[in-house]
Amino acid sequence: REDSTLSVSGTGTAPVWTQSLNALNEDFKLVLKESGVGPSDHTSFYLQDIPVLHFFTGQHEDYHKPTDDADKLNYEGMGKITGYIVDLVGELDDDPKLSFRKTKNESEEVPRFKVAMGVIPDYLYDGKGMRIDGVSEDKPAQKAGLQKGDVVVQMGDSTVTDMMSYMRALSVFEKGDTTSVVVTRDGKPIEIKITF
């Protein structure tokens, strides 16, 4: 990412993770998440009581698609992250076995949806609201005029402060419902009607 944001999940699975990650960090804006459960391979290790870390730099419009080619890779950024992980392993190499801690399973709190807005959320955004990282063609968000970079701060009666509050707000709507969505665009609030 251009802003050097690096999300690290699993920081609550060993007491030493957060302190070590922060002490060794010179290059990144870290977004630390305690949960050891998530949509990747680290969950399998966590479920076997093994401390885990999952590093993530965010999505883009071609993420996990056939068009996600080598030209989309940030090789300099990959080198920095690899160096950071090597430093972390070196720092802990002489330590005894890491202590394991169970964490709150955030995925159990994720609400079920009957509708979708058709946006790619910026999972690394740590400001107030939910920033849109991409908009899908012919989906409610695009039809309503939402754009990449918009920050959703209100949906219907619900205030959106982060990703979880966005998901809770979205979960109350059904197909055919219309509601107002307030976004911040270029620092100004804009109210938009959206139909699911």
N, C-alpha and C. Protein backbone atom coordinates (compact mmCIF):
# COMPACT_ATOMS: atom_id res chain seq x y z
N ARG A 1 0.84 -1.19 0.00
CA ARG A 1 0.00 0.00 0.00
C ARG A 1 0.87 1.23 0.00
N GLU A 2 0.36 2.26 -0.64
CA GLU A 2 1.11 3.51 -0.74
C GLU A 2 1.31 4.16 0.62
N ASP A 3 0.35 3.98 1.54
CA ASP A 3 0.48 4.62 2.85
C ASP A 3 1.19 3.73 3.87
N SER A 4 1.75 2.60 3.44
CA SER A 4 2.52 1.68 4.28
C SER A 4 1.71 1.10 5.43
N THR A 5 0.39 0.98 5.27
CA THR A 5 -0.43 0.35 6.30
C THR A 5 -0.26 -1.16 6.21
N LEU A 6 -0.04 -1.78 7.35
CA LEU A 6 0.11 -3.23 7.44
C LEU A 6 -0.79 -3.73 8.57
N SER A 7 -1.75 -4.57 8.21
CA SER A 7 -2.64 -5.17 9.20
C SER A 7 -2.00 -6.46 9.70
N VAL A 8 -1.97 -6.63 11.01
CA VAL A 8 -1.44 -7.86 11.60
C VAL A 8 -2.50 -8.43 12.52
N SER A 9 -3.05 -9.58 12.15
CA SER A 9 -4.06 -10.26 12.97
C SER A 9 -3.39 -11.35 13.80
N GLY A 10 -4.01 -11.67 14.93
CA GLY A 10 -3.50 -12.73 15.80
C GLY A 10 -2.62 -12.21 16.92
N THR A 11 -2.56 -10.88 17.10
CA THR A 11 -1.65 -10.32 18.10
C THR A 11 -2.01 -10.69 19.53
N GLY A 12 -3.24 -11.13 19.75
CA GLY A 12 -3.64 -11.55 21.09
C GLY A 12 -3.33 -13.01 21.38
N THR A 13 -2.79 -13.75 20.41
CA THR A 13 -2.59 -15.19 20.59
C THR A 13 -1.31 -15.54 21.34
N ALA A 14 -0.44 -14.56 21.56
CA ALA A 14 0.76 -14.74 22.39
C ALA A 14 1.06 -13.41 23.08
N PRO A 15 1.39 -13.44 24.38
CA PRO A 15 1.62 -12.19 25.11
C PRO A 15 2.72 -11.31 24.52
N VAL A 16 3.67 -11.90 23.84
CA VAL A 16 4.83 -11.16 23.35
C VAL A 16 4.60 -10.44 22.01
N TRP A 17 3.55 -10.82 21.27
CA TRP A 17 3.38 -10.30 19.91
C TRP A 17 3.34 -8.77 19.83
N THR A 18 2.43 -8.14 20.53
CA THR A 18 2.22 -6.69 20.37
C THR A 18 3.48 -5.90 20.69
N GLN A 19 4.12 -6.22 21.80
CA GLN A 19 5.34 -5.51 22.19
C GLN A 19 6.43 -5.69 21.14
N SER A 20 6.64 -6.91 20.68
CA SER A 20 7.69 -7.18 19.69
C SER A 20 7.39 -6.51 18.36
N LEU A 21 6.14 -6.60 17.91
CA LEU A 21 5.77 -5.98 16.63
C LEU A 21 6.01 -4.48 16.65
N ASN A 22 5.62 -3.83 17.75
CA ASN A 22 5.80 -2.38 17.85
C ASN A 22 7.27 -2.00 17.99
N ALA A 23 8.04 -2.77 18.77
CA ALA A 23 9.45 -2.46 19.00
C ALA A 23 10.27 -2.57 17.71
N LEU A 24 9.93 -3.52 16.86
CA LEU A 24 10.69 -3.75 15.63
C LEU A 24 10.21 -2.91 14.44
N ASN A 25 9.09 -2.24 14.60
CA ASN A 25 8.49 -1.50 13.48
C ASN A 25 9.20 -0.18 13.21
N GLU A 26 9.66 -0.03 11.97
CA GLU A 26 10.26 1.24 11.53
C GLU A 26 9.55 1.80 10.30
N ASP A 27 8.87 0.94 9.55
CA ASP A 27 8.38 1.32 8.23
C ASP A 27 6.86 1.39 8.07
N PHE A 28 6.09 0.86 9.01
CA PHE A 28 4.68 0.63 8.75
C PHE A 28 3.77 1.40 9.69
N LYS A 29 2.57 1.68 9.18
CA LYS A 29 1.47 2.13 10.02
C LYS A 29 0.72 0.85 10.37
N LEU A 30 0.92 0.34 11.57
CA LEU A 30 0.36 -0.95 11.96
C LEU A 30 -1.09 -0.83 12.39
N VAL A 31 -1.90 -1.79 11.95
CA VAL A 31 -3.26 -1.97 12.43
C VAL A 31 -3.27 -3.36 13.06
N LEU A 32 -3.27 -3.41 14.39
CA LEU A 32 -3.15 -4.68 15.10
C LEU A 32 -4.52 -5.20 15.51
N LYS A 33 -4.74 -6.50 15.26
CA LYS A 33 -6.01 -7.14 15.60
C LYS A 33 -5.70 -8.38 16.43
N GLU A 34 -6.37 -8.52 17.56
CA GLU A 34 -6.06 -9.61 18.48
C GLU A 34 -6.53 -10.98 18.03
N SER A 35 -7.62 -11.07 17.34
CA SER A 35 -8.25 -12.36 17.03
C SER A 35 -7.33 -13.29 16.24
N GLY A 36 -7.33 -14.57 16.63
CA GLY A 36 -6.57 -15.59 15.91
C GLY A 36 -7.37 -16.28 14.84
N VAL A 37 -8.62 -15.86 14.65
CA VAL A 37 -9.51 -16.48 13.67
C VAL A 37 -9.77 -15.48 12.55
N GLY A 38 -9.72 -15.98 11.32
CA GLY A 38 -9.99 -15.12 10.17
C GLY A 38 -10.03 -15.94 8.90
N PRO A 39 -10.30 -15.30 7.77
CA PRO A 39 -10.47 -16.02 6.51
C PRO A 39 -9.13 -16.34 5.83
N SER A 40 -8.24 -17.04 6.55
CA SER A 40 -6.97 -17.46 5.96
C SER A 40 -6.42 -18.66 6.72
N ASP A 41 -5.25 -19.13 6.29
CA ASP A 41 -4.68 -20.38 6.82
C ASP A 41 -4.31 -20.31 8.29
N HIS A 42 -4.06 -19.13 8.83
CA HIS A 42 -3.63 -19.03 10.23
C HIS A 42 -4.66 -19.59 11.20
N THR A 43 -5.93 -19.58 10.82
CA THR A 43 -6.99 -20.09 11.70
C THR A 43 -6.76 -21.55 12.07
N SER A 44 -6.31 -22.36 11.12
CA SER A 44 -6.07 -23.79 11.38
C SER A 44 -5.04 -23.98 12.49
N PHE A 45 -4.00 -23.16 12.51
CA PHE A 45 -2.98 -23.27 13.55
C PHE A 45 -3.53 -22.78 14.88
N TYR A 46 -4.25 -21.67 14.85
CA TYR A 46 -4.85 -21.12 16.07
C TYR A 46 -5.75 -22.17 16.73
N LEU A 47 -6.53 -22.88 15.94
CA LEU A 47 -7.45 -23.89 16.48
C LEU A 47 -6.71 -25.09 17.08
N GLN A 48 -5.41 -25.20 16.83
CA GLN A 48 -4.57 -26.23 17.44
C GLN A 48 -3.73 -25.64 18.59
N ASP A 49 -4.16 -24.49 19.10
CA ASP A 49 -3.50 -23.80 20.22
C ASP A 49 -2.06 -23.39 19.91
N ILE A 50 -1.84 -22.93 18.70
CA ILE A 50 -0.53 -22.42 18.28
C ILE A 50 -0.67 -20.91 18.04
N PRO A 51 0.20 -20.09 18.67
CA PRO A 51 0.13 -18.65 18.43
C PRO A 51 0.32 -18.34 16.94
N VAL A 52 -0.42 -17.36 16.44
CA VAL A 52 -0.39 -17.05 15.01
C VAL A 52 -0.24 -15.55 14.78
N LEU A 53 0.24 -15.21 13.59
CA LEU A 53 0.18 -13.86 13.07
C LEU A 53 -0.21 -13.96 11.61
N HIS A 54 -1.04 -13.04 11.16
CA HIS A 54 -1.44 -12.98 9.75
C HIS A 54 -1.22 -11.55 9.28
N PHE A 55 -0.35 -11.40 8.28
CA PHE A 55 0.00 -10.08 7.75
C PHE A 55 -0.82 -9.83 6.48
N PHE A 56 -1.37 -8.62 6.37
CA PHE A 56 -2.26 -8.31 5.24
C PHE A 56 -2.09 -6.85 4.86
N THR A 57 -1.96 -6.59 3.56
CA THR A 57 -1.76 -5.22 3.09
C THR A 57 -2.99 -4.64 2.41
N GLY A 58 -4.09 -5.39 2.38
CA GLY A 58 -5.33 -4.86 1.81
C GLY A 58 -5.65 -5.44 0.45
N GLN A 59 -6.85 -5.10 -0.03
CA GLN A 59 -7.36 -5.61 -1.30
C GLN A 59 -7.28 -4.53 -2.38
N HIS A 60 -7.46 -4.97 -3.60
CA HIS A 60 -7.63 -4.06 -4.73
C HIS A 60 -8.67 -4.69 -5.65
N GLU A 61 -9.06 -3.99 -6.71
CA GLU A 61 -10.16 -4.46 -7.54
C GLU A 61 -9.91 -5.81 -8.21
N ASP A 62 -8.63 -6.17 -8.40
CA ASP A 62 -8.31 -7.45 -9.05
C ASP A 62 -7.92 -8.54 -8.05
N TYR A 63 -8.03 -8.26 -6.76
CA TYR A 63 -7.64 -9.20 -5.72
C TYR A 63 -8.40 -10.52 -5.87
N HIS A 64 -7.66 -11.64 -5.91
CA HIS A 64 -8.23 -12.99 -6.04
C HIS A 64 -9.02 -13.17 -7.34
N LYS A 65 -8.61 -12.51 -8.40
CA LYS A 65 -9.22 -12.67 -9.72
C LYS A 65 -8.13 -13.06 -10.71
N PRO A 66 -8.51 -13.62 -11.87
CA PRO A 66 -7.50 -13.97 -12.87
C PRO A 66 -6.65 -12.78 -13.32
N THR A 67 -7.18 -11.57 -13.17
CA THR A 67 -6.45 -10.36 -13.59
C THR A 67 -5.47 -9.86 -12.52
N ASP A 68 -5.35 -10.58 -11.40
CA ASP A 68 -4.43 -10.22 -10.33
C ASP A 68 -3.03 -10.72 -10.71
N ASP A 69 -2.36 -9.95 -11.55
CA ASP A 69 -1.09 -10.36 -12.15
C ASP A 69 0.12 -9.72 -11.46
N ALA A 70 1.30 -10.11 -11.92
CA ALA A 70 2.56 -9.65 -11.33
C ALA A 70 2.71 -8.14 -11.34
N ASP A 71 2.10 -7.45 -12.29
CA ASP A 71 2.22 -5.99 -12.34
C ASP A 71 1.51 -5.31 -11.17
N LYS A 72 0.67 -6.04 -10.45
CA LYS A 72 -0.05 -5.48 -9.30
C LYS A 72 0.77 -5.62 -8.00
N LEU A 73 1.86 -6.40 -8.05
CA LEU A 73 2.66 -6.64 -6.85
C LEU A 73 3.58 -5.46 -6.55
N ASN A 74 3.73 -5.17 -5.28
CA ASN A 74 4.63 -4.13 -4.81
C ASN A 74 5.87 -4.84 -4.26
N TYR A 75 6.86 -5.02 -5.11
CA TYR A 75 8.03 -5.81 -4.73
C TYR A 75 8.85 -5.14 -3.63
N GLU A 76 8.96 -3.83 -3.66
CA GLU A 76 9.68 -3.12 -2.60
C GLU A 76 8.97 -3.32 -1.26
N GLY A 77 7.64 -3.19 -1.27
CA GLY A 77 6.86 -3.41 -0.06
C GLY A 77 6.98 -4.84 0.45
N MET A 78 6.99 -5.81 -0.48
CA MET A 78 7.15 -7.21 -0.09
C MET A 78 8.49 -7.42 0.61
N GLY A 79 9.53 -6.76 0.10
CA GLY A 79 10.85 -6.86 0.72
C GLY A 79 10.87 -6.30 2.13
N LYS A 80 10.19 -5.16 2.33
CA LYS A 80 10.13 -4.55 3.66
C LYS A 80 9.38 -5.45 4.65
N ILE A 81 8.26 -6.02 4.19
CA ILE A 81 7.48 -6.89 5.08
C ILE A 81 8.27 -8.15 5.41
N THR A 82 8.94 -8.73 4.41
CA THR A 82 9.75 -9.92 4.65
C THR A 82 10.85 -9.61 5.65
N GLY A 83 11.52 -8.47 5.50
CA GLY A 83 12.56 -8.08 6.45
C GLY A 83 12.02 -7.92 7.86
N TYR A 84 10.84 -7.35 7.96
CA TYR A 84 10.17 -7.15 9.26
C TYR A 84 9.88 -8.50 9.92
N ILE A 85 9.38 -9.45 9.14
CA ILE A 85 9.07 -10.78 9.68
C ILE A 85 10.35 -11.51 10.07
N VAL A 86 11.40 -11.40 9.25
CA VAL A 86 12.69 -12.02 9.58
C VAL A 86 13.23 -11.44 10.89
N ASP A 87 13.12 -10.11 11.06
CA ASP A 87 13.56 -9.48 12.31
C ASP A 87 12.75 -10.00 13.50
N LEU A 88 11.45 -10.18 13.32
CA LEU A 88 10.59 -10.69 14.39
C LEU A 88 11.00 -12.11 14.78
N VAL A 89 11.21 -12.96 13.79
CA VAL A 89 11.64 -14.34 14.07
C VAL A 89 12.99 -14.33 14.78
N GLY A 90 13.91 -13.50 14.31
CA GLY A 90 15.23 -13.40 14.95
C GLY A 90 15.14 -12.93 16.39
N GLU A 91 14.27 -11.98 16.64
CA GLU A 91 14.06 -11.45 18.00
C GLU A 91 13.57 -12.54 18.96
N LEU A 92 12.73 -13.43 18.48
CA LEU A 92 12.10 -14.44 19.34
C LEU A 92 12.79 -15.80 19.27
N ASP A 93 13.80 -15.93 18.44
CA ASP A 93 14.43 -17.22 18.17
C ASP A 93 15.01 -17.88 19.42
N ASP A 94 15.57 -17.10 20.32
CA ASP A 94 16.19 -17.66 21.52
C ASP A 94 15.21 -17.84 22.67
N ASP A 95 13.99 -17.37 22.49
CA ASP A 95 12.98 -17.49 23.55
C ASP A 95 12.47 -18.92 23.63
N PRO A 96 11.98 -19.30 24.82
CA PRO A 96 11.33 -20.62 24.90
C PRO A 96 10.04 -20.61 24.08
N LYS A 97 9.37 -21.72 24.06
CA LYS A 97 8.11 -21.83 23.32
C LYS A 97 7.18 -20.68 23.72
N LEU A 98 6.56 -20.06 22.72
CA LEU A 98 5.63 -18.96 22.98
C LEU A 98 4.40 -19.45 23.74
N SER A 99 3.96 -18.65 24.69
CA SER A 99 2.72 -18.97 25.41
C SER A 99 1.54 -18.68 24.50
N PHE A 100 0.57 -19.57 24.51
CA PHE A 100 -0.63 -19.40 23.69
C PHE A 100 -1.75 -18.81 24.53
N ARG A 101 -2.51 -17.90 23.92
CA ARG A 101 -3.71 -17.34 24.56
C ARG A 101 -4.87 -17.43 23.59
N LYS A 102 -6.02 -17.86 24.11
CA LYS A 102 -7.24 -17.83 23.30
C LYS A 102 -7.69 -16.38 23.18
N THR A 103 -8.29 -16.05 22.03
CA THR A 103 -8.79 -14.70 21.81
C THR A 103 -10.28 -14.77 21.53
N LYS A 104 -10.90 -13.62 21.64
CA LYS A 104 -12.31 -13.52 21.29
C LYS A 104 -12.45 -13.79 19.80
N ASN A 105 -13.39 -14.64 19.43
CA ASN A 105 -13.60 -14.99 18.03
C ASN A 105 -14.49 -13.94 17.39
N GLU A 106 -13.88 -12.97 16.71
CA GLU A 106 -14.64 -11.87 16.11
C GLU A 106 -15.59 -12.34 15.03
N SER A 107 -15.26 -13.45 14.37
CA SER A 107 -16.12 -13.90 13.26
C SER A 107 -17.47 -14.40 13.76
N GLU A 108 -17.56 -14.78 15.05
CA GLU A 108 -18.86 -15.22 15.59
C GLU A 108 -19.83 -14.05 15.71
N GLU A 109 -19.31 -12.82 15.75
CA GLU A 109 -20.16 -11.64 15.90
C GLU A 109 -20.63 -11.08 14.57
N VAL A 110 -20.11 -11.61 13.47
CA VAL A 110 -20.43 -11.04 12.16
C VAL A 110 -21.88 -11.33 11.83
N PRO A 111 -22.67 -10.29 11.56
CA PRO A 111 -24.09 -10.50 11.26
C PRO A 111 -24.29 -11.12 9.88
N ARG A 112 -25.46 -11.71 9.67
CA ARG A 112 -25.84 -12.28 8.37
C ARG A 112 -26.48 -11.20 7.51
N PHE A 113 -26.23 -11.26 6.21
CA PHE A 113 -26.74 -10.26 5.29
C PHE A 113 -27.75 -10.84 4.33
N LYS A 114 -28.77 -10.05 4.02
CA LYS A 114 -29.74 -10.41 2.97
C LYS A 114 -29.49 -9.56 1.73
N VAL A 115 -28.69 -8.50 1.87
CA VAL A 115 -28.38 -7.60 0.77
C VAL A 115 -26.89 -7.28 0.77
N ALA A 116 -26.43 -6.72 -0.34
CA ALA A 116 -25.05 -6.25 -0.44
C ALA A 116 -25.05 -4.87 -1.08
N MET A 117 -24.11 -4.03 -0.67
CA MET A 117 -24.01 -2.71 -1.29
C MET A 117 -23.23 -2.78 -2.60
N GLY A 118 -22.31 -3.73 -2.68
CA GLY A 118 -21.48 -3.81 -3.87
C GLY A 118 -20.24 -2.94 -3.77
N VAL A 119 -19.62 -2.95 -2.58
CA VAL A 119 -18.39 -2.20 -2.38
C VAL A 119 -17.30 -3.13 -1.87
N ILE A 120 -16.06 -2.72 -2.10
CA ILE A 120 -14.92 -3.39 -1.49
C ILE A 120 -14.50 -2.48 -0.33
N PRO A 121 -14.67 -2.95 0.91
CA PRO A 121 -14.27 -2.11 2.04
C PRO A 121 -12.75 -2.01 2.14
N ASP A 122 -12.28 -0.90 2.68
CA ASP A 122 -10.86 -0.74 2.98
C ASP A 122 -10.66 -1.27 4.39
N TYR A 123 -10.25 -2.54 4.48
CA TYR A 123 -10.12 -3.19 5.79
C TYR A 123 -9.00 -2.61 6.64
N LEU A 124 -8.14 -1.82 6.05
CA LEU A 124 -7.02 -1.25 6.80
C LEU A 124 -7.31 0.17 7.29
N TYR A 125 -8.45 0.73 6.90
CA TYR A 125 -8.80 2.09 7.31
C TYR A 125 -9.03 2.12 8.81
N ASP A 126 -8.38 3.05 9.50
CA ASP A 126 -8.55 3.11 10.95
C ASP A 126 -9.15 4.43 11.42
N GLY A 127 -9.73 5.18 10.48
CA GLY A 127 -10.45 6.39 10.84
C GLY A 127 -11.89 6.06 11.21
N LYS A 128 -12.71 7.09 11.44
CA LYS A 128 -14.11 6.88 11.80
C LYS A 128 -14.92 6.59 10.54
N GLY A 129 -15.68 5.50 10.56
CA GLY A 129 -16.50 5.11 9.43
C GLY A 129 -15.93 3.92 8.69
N MET A 130 -16.49 3.63 7.51
CA MET A 130 -16.02 2.53 6.66
C MET A 130 -15.66 3.11 5.30
N ARG A 131 -14.37 3.12 4.98
CA ARG A 131 -13.92 3.71 3.71
C ARG A 131 -14.07 2.68 2.59
N ILE A 132 -14.58 3.15 1.45
CA ILE A 132 -14.80 2.30 0.27
C ILE A 132 -13.51 2.27 -0.55
N ASP A 133 -13.03 1.05 -0.80
CA ASP A 133 -11.80 0.86 -1.57
C ASP A 133 -12.08 0.54 -3.03
N GLY A 134 -13.33 0.18 -3.34
CA GLY A 134 -13.72 -0.11 -4.71
C GLY A 134 -15.23 -0.28 -4.79
N VAL A 135 -15.78 -0.05 -5.98
CA VAL A 135 -17.23 -0.15 -6.19
C VAL A 135 -17.48 -1.12 -7.34
N SER A 136 -18.36 -2.10 -7.14
CA SER A 136 -18.66 -3.11 -8.17
C SER A 136 -19.69 -2.58 -9.17
N GLU A 137 -19.50 -2.98 -10.43
CA GLU A 137 -20.40 -2.56 -11.51
C GLU A 137 -21.82 -3.07 -11.28
N ASP A 138 -22.80 -2.24 -11.62
CA ASP A 138 -24.22 -2.61 -11.60
C ASP A 138 -24.73 -3.10 -10.24
N LYS A 139 -24.12 -2.65 -9.17
CA LYS A 139 -24.59 -2.99 -7.82
C LYS A 139 -25.17 -1.72 -7.20
N PRO A 140 -25.90 -1.85 -6.08
CA PRO A 140 -26.56 -0.69 -5.48
C PRO A 140 -25.65 0.51 -5.23
N ALA A 141 -24.43 0.28 -4.77
CA ALA A 141 -23.52 1.40 -4.47
C ALA A 141 -23.20 2.21 -5.72
N GLN A 142 -22.89 1.52 -6.82
CA GLN A 142 -22.56 2.22 -8.06
C GLN A 142 -23.79 2.96 -8.60
N LYS A 143 -24.94 2.30 -8.56
CA LYS A 143 -26.17 2.92 -9.06
C LYS A 143 -26.52 4.17 -8.25
N ALA A 144 -26.17 4.18 -6.96
CA ALA A 144 -26.46 5.33 -6.09
C ALA A 144 -25.41 6.44 -6.22
N GLY A 145 -24.28 6.13 -6.84
CA GLY A 145 -23.25 7.15 -7.03
C GLY A 145 -22.12 7.13 -6.01
N LEU A 146 -22.04 6.06 -5.21
CA LEU A 146 -20.92 5.96 -4.27
C LEU A 146 -19.62 5.74 -5.04
N GLN A 147 -18.51 6.22 -4.47
CA GLN A 147 -17.22 6.18 -5.15
C GLN A 147 -16.13 5.65 -4.24
N LYS A 148 -15.06 5.16 -4.88
CA LYS A 148 -13.87 4.76 -4.14
C LYS A 148 -13.38 5.97 -3.36
N GLY A 149 -13.06 5.76 -2.09
CA GLY A 149 -12.59 6.85 -1.23
C GLY A 149 -13.67 7.44 -0.35
N ASP A 150 -14.95 7.23 -0.71
CA ASP A 150 -16.04 7.68 0.16
C ASP A 150 -15.94 6.95 1.50
N VAL A 151 -16.27 7.66 2.58
CA VAL A 151 -16.29 7.05 3.91
C VAL A 151 -17.73 7.04 4.40
N VAL A 152 -18.29 5.84 4.56
CA VAL A 152 -19.67 5.69 5.05
C VAL A 152 -19.67 5.98 6.55
N VAL A 153 -20.47 6.98 6.97
CA VAL A 153 -20.55 7.33 8.39
C VAL A 153 -21.95 7.13 8.97
N GLN A 154 -22.94 6.92 8.10
CA GLN A 154 -24.32 6.69 8.55
C GLN A 154 -25.03 5.85 7.51
N MET A 155 -25.83 4.89 7.97
CA MET A 155 -26.64 4.08 7.07
C MET A 155 -28.00 3.91 7.73
N GLY A 156 -29.02 4.52 7.14
CA GLY A 156 -30.34 4.50 7.78
C GLY A 156 -30.25 5.19 9.12
N ASP A 157 -30.73 4.51 10.17
CA ASP A 157 -30.69 5.07 11.52
C ASP A 157 -29.39 4.79 12.26
N SER A 158 -28.49 4.04 11.64
CA SER A 158 -27.28 3.58 12.32
C SER A 158 -26.07 4.43 11.99
N THR A 159 -25.34 4.80 13.04
CA THR A 159 -24.05 5.48 12.86
C THR A 159 -23.00 4.42 12.55
N VAL A 160 -22.17 4.69 11.56
CA VAL A 160 -21.11 3.75 11.18
C VAL A 160 -19.78 4.33 11.65
N THR A 161 -19.16 3.63 12.60
CA THR A 161 -17.88 4.09 13.15
C THR A 161 -16.71 3.23 12.70
N ASP A 162 -17.00 1.99 12.28
CA ASP A 162 -15.96 1.06 11.88
C ASP A 162 -16.58 -0.06 11.04
N MET A 163 -15.78 -1.04 10.69
CA MET A 163 -16.25 -2.13 9.83
C MET A 163 -17.39 -2.92 10.48
N MET A 164 -17.27 -3.21 11.77
CA MET A 164 -18.29 -4.01 12.45
C MET A 164 -19.62 -3.26 12.51
N SER A 165 -19.60 -1.96 12.80
CA SER A 165 -20.86 -1.21 12.86
C SER A 165 -21.47 -1.08 11.46
N TYR A 166 -20.63 -1.02 10.43
CA TYR A 166 -21.13 -1.03 9.04
C TYR A 166 -21.87 -2.34 8.76
N MET A 167 -21.27 -3.46 9.16
CA MET A 167 -21.90 -4.76 8.90
C MET A 167 -23.20 -4.91 9.67
N ARG A 168 -23.22 -4.43 10.92
CA ARG A 168 -24.47 -4.49 11.70
C ARG A 168 -25.55 -3.64 11.04
N ALA A 169 -25.17 -2.45 10.56
CA ALA A 169 -26.14 -1.56 9.91
C ALA A 169 -26.69 -2.20 8.63
N LEU A 170 -25.83 -2.81 7.84
CA LEU A 170 -26.23 -3.43 6.58
C LEU A 170 -27.15 -4.63 6.80
N SER A 171 -26.96 -5.33 7.92
CA SER A 171 -27.69 -6.58 8.17
C SER A 171 -29.19 -6.39 8.39
N VAL A 172 -29.65 -5.16 8.64
CA VAL A 172 -31.08 -4.96 8.91
C VAL A 172 -31.90 -4.78 7.63
N PHE A 173 -31.24 -4.62 6.49
CA PHE A 173 -31.96 -4.33 5.25
C PHE A 173 -32.29 -5.59 4.46
N GLU A 174 -33.41 -5.51 3.71
CA GLU A 174 -33.85 -6.61 2.85
C GLU A 174 -33.86 -6.12 1.41
N LYS A 175 -33.86 -7.08 0.48
CA LYS A 175 -33.89 -6.74 -0.94
C LYS A 175 -35.12 -5.87 -1.22
N GLY A 176 -34.91 -4.77 -1.95
CA GLY A 176 -35.99 -3.84 -2.27
C GLY A 176 -36.06 -2.64 -1.34
N ASP A 177 -35.42 -2.73 -0.15
CA ASP A 177 -35.41 -1.60 0.78
C ASP A 177 -34.63 -0.42 0.19
N THR A 178 -35.07 0.79 0.53
CA THR A 178 -34.34 2.01 0.19
C THR A 178 -34.00 2.72 1.48
N THR A 179 -32.78 3.24 1.57
CA THR A 179 -32.37 3.97 2.76
C THR A 179 -31.40 5.08 2.37
N SER A 180 -31.15 5.97 3.31
CA SER A 180 -30.16 7.01 3.06
C SER A 180 -28.81 6.57 3.63
N VAL A 181 -27.77 6.91 2.91
CA VAL A 181 -26.40 6.63 3.34
C VAL A 181 -25.67 7.97 3.34
N VAL A 182 -25.04 8.30 4.46
CA VAL A 182 -24.25 9.51 4.53
C VAL A 182 -22.78 9.11 4.42
N VAL A 183 -22.10 9.74 3.46
CA VAL A 183 -20.67 9.49 3.28
C VAL A 183 -19.93 10.81 3.40
N THR A 184 -18.68 10.70 3.77
CA THR A 184 -17.79 11.85 3.73
C THR A 184 -16.98 11.73 2.44
N ARG A 185 -17.05 12.75 1.60
CA ARG A 185 -16.32 12.78 0.34
C ARG A 185 -15.55 14.10 0.28
N ASP A 186 -14.25 13.99 0.16
CA ASP A 186 -13.40 15.19 0.14
C ASP A 186 -13.68 16.07 1.36
N GLY A 187 -13.89 15.44 2.51
CA GLY A 187 -14.09 16.16 3.75
C GLY A 187 -15.47 16.72 3.99
N LYS A 188 -16.39 16.49 3.04
CA LYS A 188 -17.75 17.04 3.18
C LYS A 188 -18.76 15.90 3.26
N PRO A 189 -19.78 16.03 4.15
CA PRO A 189 -20.82 15.00 4.22
C PRO A 189 -21.78 15.10 3.03
N ILE A 190 -22.12 13.95 2.48
CA ILE A 190 -23.07 13.87 1.36
C ILE A 190 -24.09 12.79 1.70
N GLU A 191 -25.37 13.09 1.53
CA GLU A 191 -26.42 12.09 1.77
C GLU A 191 -26.88 11.53 0.42
N ILE A 192 -26.90 10.21 0.33
CA ILE A 192 -27.25 9.51 -0.91
C ILE A 192 -28.32 8.48 -0.60
N LYS A 193 -29.31 8.35 -1.48
CA LYS A 193 -30.32 7.29 -1.35
C LYS A 193 -29.82 6.06 -2.07
N ILE A 194 -29.99 4.90 -1.43
CA ILE A 194 -29.55 3.65 -2.03
C ILE A 194 -30.68 2.63 -1.93
N THR A 195 -30.89 1.88 -3.00
CA THR A 195 -31.91 0.82 -3.02
C THR A 195 -31.21 -0.52 -3.19
N PHE A 196 -31.54 -1.44 -2.29
CA PHE A 196 -30.91 -2.77 -2.32
C PHE A 196 -31.66 -3.72 -3.23
